[in-house]
Amino acid sequence: MNTFEISVKRFDEFASEYAARFMNVDSYHEHFDKFCTLFECKNPSILELACGSGNVTKYIRQRFPDSDIIALDLAPGMIEIAKNTVAGVDFRVMNVGNLKSIDIIIIAKKN
């Protein structure tokens, strides 16, 4: 098993613990709000990479309730939690290799 496969496996195994620890993103709302004011269209098509358990996706859905949102993650366990957390989002387990045109790409990383 290579390091990429090990990483995916670990995120999958610890999806519940990750969600419990990082689901609350309230401390980032000020920054997210400021970032979202930069978008020229009201209902952008949004692609979120590495959505994890859907913590940022939840904010995005609330901020853009009428937007089409695709949220990707490589860990099936993360996607399952995200699907149960946020409605109206096209969650997918996949690599980002072959994607159609997207207006906004969001990558959120917590250090």
Protein backbone atom coordinates (compact mmCIF):
# COMPACT_ATOMS: atom_id res chain seq x y z
CA MET A 1 0.00 0.00 0.00
CA ASN A 2 1.49 3.37 -1.01
CA THR A 3 1.36 6.53 1.14
CA PHE A 4 -1.61 7.95 -0.78
CA GLU A 5 -3.65 4.80 -0.16
CA ILE A 6 -2.63 4.82 3.50
CA SER A 7 -3.78 8.44 3.85
CA VAL A 8 -7.16 7.71 2.29
CA LYS A 9 -7.57 4.67 4.53
CA ARG A 10 -6.72 6.67 7.67
CA PHE A 11 -9.14 9.50 6.84
CA ASP A 12 -11.79 6.88 6.16
CA GLU A 13 -11.12 5.09 9.46
CA PHE A 14 -11.17 8.29 11.52
CA ALA A 15 -14.00 10.09 9.72
CA SER A 16 -16.29 10.16 12.78
CA GLU A 17 -13.57 11.48 15.07
CA TYR A 18 -12.59 14.10 12.49
CA ALA A 19 -16.19 15.24 12.12
CA ALA A 20 -16.64 15.53 15.87
CA ARG A 21 -13.50 17.59 16.24
CA PHE A 22 -13.75 19.91 13.21
CA MET A 23 -17.47 20.28 12.38
CA ASN A 24 -17.78 23.68 14.06
CA VAL A 25 -16.29 26.36 11.79
CA ASP A 26 -17.89 29.37 13.50
CA SER A 27 -14.50 30.96 14.15
CA TYR A 28 -13.95 31.11 10.37
CA HIS A 29 -17.27 32.75 9.42
CA GLU A 30 -15.83 36.27 9.28
CA HIS A 31 -13.17 35.14 6.82
CA PHE A 32 -15.58 33.00 4.79
CA ASP A 33 -18.05 35.92 4.60
CA LYS A 34 -15.34 38.24 3.34
CA PHE A 35 -14.20 35.69 0.78
CA CYS A 36 -17.76 35.17 -0.48
CA THR A 37 -18.22 38.89 -1.15
CA LEU A 38 -15.60 38.54 -3.91
CA PHE A 39 -17.91 36.44 -6.09
CA GLU A 40 -19.58 38.37 -8.90
CA CYS A 41 -22.51 36.01 -9.42
CA LYS A 42 -25.26 35.40 -6.84
CA ASN A 43 -25.58 31.67 -7.41
CA PRO A 44 -22.18 30.39 -8.51
CA SER A 45 -21.47 26.79 -9.38
CA ILE A 46 -19.15 25.63 -6.62
CA LEU A 47 -16.65 22.80 -6.43
CA GLU A 48 -15.23 22.06 -3.01
CA LEU A 49 -12.14 19.87 -2.94
CA ALA A 50 -11.31 17.77 0.12
CA CYS A 51 -14.70 18.47 1.70
CA GLY A 52 -14.09 15.98 4.49
CA SER A 53 -17.12 15.59 6.73
CA GLY A 54 -18.89 18.62 5.25
CA ASN A 55 -17.99 21.27 7.82
CA VAL A 56 -17.21 24.01 5.29
CA THR A 57 -19.80 22.61 2.87
CA LYS A 58 -22.49 23.32 5.46
CA TYR A 59 -21.47 26.98 5.57
CA ILE A 60 -21.33 27.18 1.76
CA ARG A 61 -24.83 25.67 1.44
CA GLN A 62 -26.23 28.19 3.93
CA ARG A 63 -24.48 31.11 2.21
CA PHE A 64 -25.49 30.03 -1.33
CA PRO A 65 -28.77 28.10 -0.91
CA ASP A 66 -29.58 28.15 -4.64
CA SER A 67 -26.13 27.26 -5.96
CA ASP A 68 -25.11 23.96 -7.47
CA ILE A 69 -22.43 22.52 -5.21
CA ILE A 70 -20.22 19.53 -5.90
CA ALA A 71 -18.10 18.45 -2.94
CA LEU A 72 -15.36 15.87 -3.36
CA ASP A 73 -13.31 13.80 -0.97
CA LEU A 74 -11.29 10.63 -1.38
CA ALA A 75 -12.49 9.02 1.86
CA PRO A 76 -15.86 7.25 1.60
CA GLY A 77 -16.41 7.58 5.36
CA MET A 78 -16.05 11.36 5.15
CA ILE A 79 -18.53 11.54 2.27
CA GLU A 80 -21.07 9.44 4.19
CA ILE A 81 -20.92 11.83 7.15
CA ALA A 82 -21.11 14.85 4.84
CA LYS A 83 -24.19 13.44 3.08
CA ASN A 84 -25.88 13.06 6.48
CA THR A 85 -24.83 16.58 7.52
CA VAL A 86 -25.65 18.75 4.50
CA ALA A 87 -28.63 18.40 2.17
CA GLY A 88 -28.76 19.50 -1.45
CA VAL A 89 -25.09 18.93 -2.27
CA ASP A 90 -23.69 16.52 -4.83
CA PHE A 91 -21.13 14.69 -2.67
CA ARG A 92 -18.76 12.37 -4.50
CA VAL A 93 -15.90 10.06 -3.61
CA MET A 94 -13.45 10.80 -6.38
CA ASN A 95 -10.24 12.24 -7.69
CA VAL A 96 -10.42 15.67 -9.34
CA GLY A 97 -8.93 14.54 -12.65
CA ASN A 98 -11.84 14.96 -15.08
CA LEU A 99 -14.09 17.82 -14.06
CA LYS A 100 -16.35 20.12 -16.06
CA SER A 101 -16.17 23.92 -15.91
CA ILE A 102 -16.59 25.29 -12.37
CA ASP A 103 -17.04 28.93 -11.24
CA ILE A 104 -15.49 28.61 -7.79
CA ILE A 105 -13.18 26.06 -6.22
CA ILE A 106 -12.85 26.04 -2.43
CA ILE A 107 -10.12 24.19 -0.59
CA ALA A 108 -10.24 24.47 3.18
CA LYS A 109 -7.31 23.22 5.19
CA LYS A 110 -7.11 23.21 8.95
CA ASN A 111 -3.60 23.21 10.41
